[in-house]
C-alpha cells in the first residue's frame, strides 16, 4: 500500500525535461544590425513554450580566445539581447559566464556577434542560464509551488542525480517543461523527453 502510494505520487510529480544547447535571443535592433531587417527571423521549429520557436538563422559568437559558429537564434525578438552558453562554451570563447536567471543580465560579460549583414558588440548579456521549470498556474497549484521558488528535482538513470536550486517560473503563457543546459545533461546522461521528479 505504501509502495503504491509513493509510486502514484512520483507519477503525479513528474516533469518533462528539455536540454537547451547554446542559443541567443536578439532584440529587434540587433536583428536589423545583423541581418539587415527587423523581420529577418524565419521560424524553423516550434519550441516547448507556446509562441517560441527556433529560427533558421544563426550567428557566430566571437570571444577573446575563440569563436563558436552556427549559434541558433530563438524567436521572437525580445527586449534585450541575451546569449545563453554553457560553462564549457565559456572556455572556448574565453569568457566566464555567470549562472543567472534568464533576463538578469546586469553586470554580465559582453561579446561580439557576427551576422551575415553586420557585426554587433554587446556590453552585457552573456550568461549560463540557471536550471528552471516553466509552469502554467494550474501546474503550480498541482505541484504546490509558487513563482520564484527554488526546488530540487531528481532524475533517474545510469548517472542519476538530484538537481538543487531549480527555479520555478509561473505564467499563463507557459507549458510544463524543465530546462537544463548541455553540461548538466551530459553529467547526468539526460536526454530530451526524459522526466524528473519534483522533491518537496
C-alpha atoms as a PDB file:
ATOM      1  CA  UNK A   1       0.000   0.000   0.000  1.00  0.00           C
ATOM      2  CA  UNK A   2       2.781   2.447   0.971  1.00  0.00           C
ATOM      3  CA  UNK A   3       4.745   1.499  -2.137  1.00  0.00           C
ATOM      4  CA  UNK A   4       1.688   2.066  -4.341  1.00  0.00           C
ATOM      5  CA  UNK A   5       1.114   5.492  -2.774  1.00  0.00           C
ATOM      6  CA  UNK A   6       4.734   6.509  -3.351  1.00  0.00           C
ATOM      7  CA  UNK A   7       4.633   5.352  -6.964  1.00  0.00           C
ATOM      8  CA  UNK A   8       1.397   7.277  -7.533  1.00  0.00           C
ATOM      9  CA  UNK A   9       2.888  10.440  -6.006  1.00  0.00           C
ATOM     10  CA  UNK A  10       6.013  10.046  -8.118  1.00  0.00           C
ATOM     11  CA  UNK A  11       3.992   9.815 -11.331  1.00  0.00           C
ATOM     12  CA  UNK A  12       1.972  12.910 -10.394  1.00  0.00           C
ATOM     13  CA  UNK A  13       5.094  14.992  -9.771  1.00  0.00           C
ATOM     14  CA  UNK A  14       6.975  14.080 -12.950  1.00  0.00           C
ATOM     15  CA  UNK A  15       8.200  16.896 -15.148  1.00  0.00           C
ATOM     16  CA  UNK A  16       9.393  16.626 -18.769  1.00  0.00           C
ATOM     17  CA  UNK A  17      12.962  17.779 -19.318  1.00  0.00           C
ATOM     18  CA  UNK A  18      14.310  19.748 -22.254  1.00  0.00           C
ATOM     19  CA  UNK A  19      18.039  20.072 -22.868  1.00  0.00           C
ATOM     20  CA  UNK A  20      18.997  23.573 -24.044  1.00  0.00           C
ATOM     21  CA  UNK A  21      22.024  23.906 -26.270  1.00  0.00           C
ATOM     22  CA  UNK A  22      23.736  27.274 -26.666  1.00  0.00           C
ATOM     23  CA  UNK A  23      21.467  29.886 -28.235  1.00  0.00           C
ATOM     24  CA  UNK A  24      20.795  33.594 -28.470  1.00  0.00           C
ATOM     25  CA  UNK A  25      17.803  35.909 -28.072  1.00  0.00           C
ATOM     26  CA  UNK A  26      18.046  39.088 -30.136  1.00  0.00           C
ATOM     27  CA  UNK A  27      16.403  42.486 -29.763  1.00  0.00           C
ATOM     28  CA  UNK A  28      14.705  43.897 -32.904  1.00  0.00           C
ATOM     29  CA  UNK A  29      17.570  46.380 -33.259  1.00  0.00           C
ATOM     30  CA  UNK A  30      20.131  43.560 -33.097  1.00  0.00           C
ATOM     31  CA  UNK A  31      18.219  41.557 -35.723  1.00  0.00           C
ATOM     32  CA  UNK A  32      18.299  44.561 -38.059  1.00  0.00           C
ATOM     33  CA  UNK A  33      22.005  45.179 -37.434  1.00  0.00           C
ATOM     34  CA  UNK A  34      23.000  41.555 -38.056  1.00  0.00           C
ATOM     35  CA  UNK A  35      20.578  40.647 -40.857  1.00  0.00           C
ATOM     36  CA  UNK A  36      19.586  43.942 -42.446  1.00  0.00           C
ATOM     37  CA  UNK A  37      15.903  43.822 -41.448  1.00  0.00           C
ATOM     38  CA  UNK A  38      13.918  43.608 -38.219  1.00  0.00           C
ATOM     39  CA  UNK A  39      11.719  40.989 -39.928  1.00  0.00           C
ATOM     40  CA  UNK A  40      14.596  38.682 -40.884  1.00  0.00           C
ATOM     41  CA  UNK A  41      13.903  35.834 -38.431  1.00  0.00           C
ATOM     42  CA  UNK A  42      12.353  32.756 -40.016  1.00  0.00           C
ATOM     43  CA  UNK A  43      10.627  30.163 -37.771  1.00  0.00           C
ATOM     44  CA  UNK A  44      12.073  26.684 -38.288  1.00  0.00           C
ATOM     45  CA  UNK A  45      10.781  24.640 -35.347  1.00  0.00           C
ATOM     46  CA  UNK A  46       8.309  25.272 -32.537  1.00  0.00           C
ATOM     47  CA  UNK A  47       9.708  25.016 -29.010  1.00  0.00           C
ATOM     48  CA  UNK A  48       8.064  23.637 -25.881  1.00  0.00           C
ATOM     49  CA  UNK A  49       6.819  27.068 -24.800  1.00  0.00           C
ATOM     50  CA  UNK A  50       3.853  28.486 -26.767  1.00  0.00           C
ATOM     51  CA  UNK A  51       4.851  31.152 -29.275  1.00  0.00           C
ATOM     52  CA  UNK A  52       8.571  30.381 -29.019  1.00  0.00           C
ATOM     53  CA  UNK A  53      10.498  28.981 -31.955  1.00  0.00           C
ATOM     54  CA  UNK A  54      13.961  28.099 -33.208  1.00  0.00           C
ATOM     55  CA  UNK A  55      14.941  30.188 -36.222  1.00  0.00           C
ATOM     56  CA  UNK A  56      16.599  29.084 -39.424  1.00  0.00           C
ATOM     57  CA  UNK A  57      19.086  31.909 -38.928  1.00  0.00           C
ATOM     58  CA  UNK A  58      22.278  31.525 -36.914  1.00  0.00           C
ATOM     59  CA  UNK A  59      25.117  33.802 -35.831  1.00  0.00           C
ATOM     60  CA  UNK A  60      28.752  33.474 -34.812  1.00  0.00           C
ATOM     61  CA  UNK A  61      29.868  34.322 -31.280  1.00  0.00           C
ATOM     62  CA  UNK A  62      33.362  35.835 -31.090  1.00  0.00           C
ATOM     63  CA  UNK A  63      35.150  35.932 -27.742  1.00  0.00           C
ATOM     64  CA  UNK A  64      38.641  36.974 -26.613  1.00  0.00           C
ATOM     65  CA  UNK A  65      40.070  33.479 -27.169  1.00  0.00           C
ATOM     66  CA  UNK A  66      37.868  31.824 -29.766  1.00  0.00           C
ATOM     67  CA  UNK A  67      34.580  31.708 -31.628  1.00  0.00           C
ATOM     68  CA  UNK A  68      31.556  29.443 -31.975  1.00  0.00           C
ATOM     69  CA  UNK A  69      29.792  29.247 -35.329  1.00  0.00           C
ATOM     70  CA  UNK A  70      26.156  28.462 -36.148  1.00  0.00           C
ATOM     71  CA  UNK A  71      24.632  29.543 -32.831  1.00  0.00           C
ATOM     72  CA  UNK A  72      20.866  29.193 -33.160  1.00  0.00           C
ATOM     73  CA  UNK A  73      18.608  32.209 -32.705  1.00  0.00           C
ATOM     74  CA  UNK A  74      15.412  31.675 -30.714  1.00  0.00           C
ATOM     75  CA  UNK A  75      12.456  33.859 -31.599  1.00  0.00           C
ATOM     76  CA  UNK A  76      10.549  36.006 -31.487  1.00  0.00           C
ATOM     77  CA  UNK A  77      12.758  39.041 -30.915  1.00  0.00           C
ATOM     78  CA  UNK A  78      12.713  40.322 -27.342  1.00  0.00           C
ATOM     79  CA  UNK A  79      13.545  43.483 -25.432  1.00  0.00           C
ATOM     80  CA  UNK A  80      17.262  42.858 -24.842  1.00  0.00           C
ATOM     81  CA  UNK A  81      19.844  40.649 -26.499  1.00  0.00           C
ATOM     82  CA  UNK A  82      20.834  37.682 -24.336  1.00  0.00           C
ATOM     83  CA  UNK A  83      23.390  34.966 -25.099  1.00  0.00           C
ATOM     84  CA  UNK A  84      22.980  31.656 -23.265  1.00  0.00           C
ATOM     85  CA  UNK A  85      26.007  29.364 -23.317  1.00  0.00           C
ATOM     86  CA  UNK A  86      27.352  26.525 -21.191  1.00  0.00           C
ATOM     87  CA  UNK A  87      30.306  26.892 -18.839  1.00  0.00           C
ATOM     88  CA  UNK A  88      32.318  24.729 -21.250  1.00  0.00           C
ATOM     89  CA  UNK A  89      31.475  27.132 -24.090  1.00  0.00           C
ATOM     90  CA  UNK A  90      32.918  29.872 -21.910  1.00  0.00           C
ATOM     91  CA  UNK A  91      36.337  28.182 -22.017  1.00  0.00           C
ATOM     92  CA  UNK A  92      36.167  28.066 -25.832  1.00  0.00           C
ATOM     93  CA  UNK A  93      35.279  31.759 -26.066  1.00  0.00           C
ATOM     94  CA  UNK A  94      37.495  32.981 -23.238  1.00  0.00           C
ATOM     95  CA  UNK A  95      34.515  34.283 -21.278  1.00  0.00           C
ATOM     96  CA  UNK A  96      33.396  33.425 -17.750  1.00  0.00           C
ATOM     97  CA  UNK A  97      29.575  33.412 -17.944  1.00  0.00           C
ATOM     98  CA  UNK A  98      27.846  33.831 -14.570  1.00  0.00           C
ATOM     99  CA  UNK A  99      25.000  31.475 -13.735  1.00  0.00           C
ATOM    100  CA  UNK A 100      21.936  33.714 -13.891  1.00  0.00           C
ATOM    101  CA  UNK A 101      18.176  33.518 -14.260  1.00  0.00           C
ATOM    102  CA  UNK A 102      17.051  34.494 -17.730  1.00  0.00           C
ATOM    103  CA  UNK A 103      16.681  38.263 -18.021  1.00  0.00           C
ATOM    104  CA  UNK A 104      19.105  39.003 -15.172  1.00  0.00           C
ATOM    105  CA  UNK A 105      21.974  40.355 -17.265  1.00  0.00           C
ATOM    106  CA  UNK A 106      23.228  43.384 -15.307  1.00  0.00           C
ATOM    107  CA  UNK A 107      26.969  43.063 -14.682  1.00  0.00           C
ATOM    108  CA  UNK A 108      27.378  40.154 -17.107  1.00  0.00           C
ATOM    109  CA  UNK A 109      30.081  39.923 -19.802  1.00  0.00           C
ATOM    110  CA  UNK A 110      29.603  41.181 -23.326  1.00  0.00           C
ATOM    111  CA  UNK A 111      30.586  39.561 -26.610  1.00  0.00           C
ATOM    112  CA  UNK A 112      30.879  40.185 -30.349  1.00  0.00           C
ATOM    113  CA  UNK A 113      28.108  38.751 -32.532  1.00  0.00           C
ATOM    114  CA  UNK A 114      28.650  38.261 -36.259  1.00  0.00           C
ATOM    115  CA  UNK A 115      25.733  38.019 -38.678  1.00  0.00           C
ATOM    116  CA  UNK A 116      25.591  37.839 -42.482  1.00  0.00           C
ATOM    117  CA  UNK A 117      24.975  41.586 -42.856  1.00  0.00           C
ATOM    118  CA  UNK A 118      26.876  43.050 -39.938  1.00  0.00           C
ATOM    119  CA  UNK A 119      28.633  42.715 -36.603  1.00  0.00           C
ATOM    120  CA  UNK A 120      27.410  43.759 -33.163  1.00  0.00           C
ATOM    121  CA  UNK A 121      29.321  44.275 -29.926  1.00  0.00           C
ATOM    122  CA  UNK A 122      27.180  43.974 -26.789  1.00  0.00           C
ATOM    123  CA  UNK A 123      28.495  45.183 -23.435  1.00  0.00           C
ATOM    124  CA  UNK A 124      26.439  42.703 -21.383  1.00  0.00           C
ATOM    125  CA  UNK A 125      24.154  39.711 -21.844  1.00  0.00           C
ATOM    126  CA  UNK A 126      26.252  36.528 -21.765  1.00  0.00           C
ATOM    127  CA  UNK A 127      25.031  34.039 -19.139  1.00  0.00           C
ATOM    128  CA  UNK A 128      24.906  30.370 -18.273  1.00  0.00           C
ATOM    129  CA  UNK A 129      21.187  30.047 -17.641  1.00  0.00           C
ATOM    130  CA  UNK A 130      20.197  28.668 -14.257  1.00  0.00           C
ATOM    131  CA  UNK A 131      18.130  25.484 -14.347  1.00  0.00           C
ATOM    132  CA  UNK A 132      14.417  26.238 -14.225  1.00  0.00           C
ATOM    133  CA  UNK A 133      10.905  24.874 -14.694  1.00  0.00           C
ATOM    134  CA  UNK A 134       8.209  26.590 -16.741  1.00  0.00           C
ATOM    135  CA  UNK A 135       4.733  26.081 -15.257  1.00  0.00           C
ATOM    136  CA  UNK A 136       1.211  27.172 -16.030  1.00  0.00           C
ATOM    137  CA  UNK A 137      -0.600  28.383 -12.866  1.00  0.00           C
ATOM    138  CA  UNK A 138      -2.618  25.144 -12.876  1.00  0.00           C
ATOM    139  CA  UNK A 139       0.661  23.178 -12.811  1.00  0.00           C
ATOM    140  CA  UNK A 140       1.978  25.288  -9.934  1.00  0.00           C
ATOM    141  CA  UNK A 141      -1.199  24.593  -7.975  1.00  0.00           C
ATOM    142  CA  UNK A 142      -0.968  20.869  -8.685  1.00  0.00           C
ATOM    143  CA  UNK A 143       2.687  20.735  -7.640  1.00  0.00           C
ATOM    144  CA  UNK A 144       2.154  23.018  -4.637  1.00  0.00           C
ATOM    145  CA  UNK A 145       4.820  25.554  -5.611  1.00  0.00           C
ATOM    146  CA  UNK A 146       4.977  29.296  -6.270  1.00  0.00           C
ATOM    147  CA  UNK A 147       6.632  31.559  -8.818  1.00  0.00           C
ATOM    148  CA  UNK A 148      10.223  32.299  -7.793  1.00  0.00           C
ATOM    149  CA  UNK A 149      10.507  29.282  -5.504  1.00  0.00           C
ATOM    150  CA  UNK A 150      13.589  27.041  -5.712  1.00  0.00           C
ATOM    151  CA  UNK A 151      13.129  23.275  -5.590  1.00  0.00           C
ATOM    152  CA  UNK A 152      15.026  20.022  -6.081  1.00  0.00           C
ATOM    153  CA  UNK A 153      14.432  17.641  -8.967  1.00  0.00           C
ATOM    154  CA  UNK A 154      15.514  14.008  -9.008  1.00  0.00           C
ATOM    155  CA  UNK A 155      16.465  12.493 -12.354  1.00  0.00           C
ATOM    156  CA  UNK A 156      16.763   8.721 -12.601  1.00  0.00           C
ATOM    157  CA  UNK A 157      19.093   6.759 -14.872  1.00  0.00           C
ATOM    158  CA  UNK A 158      22.546   5.205 -15.007  1.00  0.00           C
ATOM    159  CA  UNK A 159      24.023   8.542 -13.905  1.00  0.00           C
ATOM    160  CA  UNK A 160      21.002   9.658 -11.898  1.00  0.00           C
ATOM    161  CA  UNK A 161      21.285  12.859  -9.912  1.00  0.00           C
ATOM    162  CA  UNK A 162      19.396  15.415  -7.843  1.00  0.00           C
ATOM    163  CA  UNK A 163      19.487  18.979  -9.117  1.00  0.00           C
ATOM    164  CA  UNK A 164      19.136  21.683  -6.465  1.00  0.00           C
ATOM    165  CA  UNK A 165      18.193  25.374  -6.742  1.00  0.00           C
ATOM    166  CA  UNK A 166      15.790  24.787  -9.648  1.00  0.00           C
ATOM    167  CA  UNK A 167      13.812  27.972 -10.257  1.00  0.00           C
ATOM    168  CA  UNK A 168      10.022  27.797 -10.640  1.00  0.00           C
ATOM    169  CA  UNK A 169       8.694  30.202 -13.293  1.00  0.00           C
ATOM    170  CA  UNK A 170       4.904  30.523 -13.477  1.00  0.00           C
ATOM    171  CA  UNK A 171       2.911  32.209 -16.233  1.00  0.00           C
ATOM    172  CA  UNK A 172      -0.358  31.802 -18.098  1.00  0.00           C
ATOM    173  CA  UNK A 173       1.813  31.625 -21.219  1.00  0.00           C
ATOM    174  CA  UNK A 174       3.903  28.661 -20.051  1.00  0.00           C
ATOM    175  CA  UNK A 175       3.647  24.931 -20.637  1.00  0.00           C
ATOM    176  CA  UNK A 176       5.162  22.474 -18.138  1.00  0.00           C
ATOM    177  CA  UNK A 177       8.814  21.881 -19.016  1.00  0.00           C
ATOM    178  CA  UNK A 178      12.153  21.870 -17.184  1.00  0.00           C
ATOM    179  CA  UNK A 179      15.216  23.334 -18.894  1.00  0.00           C
ATOM    180  CA  UNK A 180      18.806  22.333 -18.186  1.00  0.00           C
ATOM    181  CA  UNK A 181      21.887  23.092 -20.254  1.00  0.00           C
ATOM    182  CA  UNK A 182      24.132  20.714 -22.165  1.00  0.00           C
ATOM    183  CA  UNK A 183      26.765  20.476 -19.417  1.00  0.00           C
ATOM    184  CA  UNK A 184      24.145  19.386 -16.887  1.00  0.00           C
ATOM    185  CA  UNK A 185      22.578  16.946 -19.338  1.00  0.00           C
ATOM    186  CA  UNK A 186      25.917  15.339 -20.146  1.00  0.00           C
ATOM    187  CA  UNK A 187      26.763  14.996 -16.449  1.00  0.00           C
ATOM    188  CA  UNK A 188      23.561  13.033 -15.809  1.00  0.00           C
ATOM    189  CA  UNK A 189      23.272  11.331 -19.217  1.00  0.00           C
ATOM    190  CA  UNK A 190      19.935  13.113 -19.628  1.00  0.00           C
ATOM    191  CA  UNK A 191      18.099  13.131 -22.966  1.00  0.00           C
ATOM    192  CA  UNK A 192      15.306  15.333 -24.285  1.00  0.00           C
ATOM    193  CA  UNK A 193      11.921  13.991 -23.227  1.00  0.00           C
ATOM    194  CA  UNK A 194      13.220  12.303 -20.076  1.00  0.00           C
ATOM    195  CA  UNK A 195      11.362  13.187 -16.880  1.00  0.00           C
ATOM    196  CA  UNK A 196      12.339  14.248 -13.401  1.00  0.00           C
ATOM    197  CA  UNK A 197      10.555  14.106 -10.055  1.00  0.00           C
ATOM    198  CA  UNK A 198       9.984  17.317  -8.102  1.00  0.00           C
ATOM    199  CA  UNK A 199      11.063  16.915  -4.489  1.00  0.00           C
ATOM    200  CA  UNK A 200       9.364  18.971  -1.815  1.00  0.00           C
END
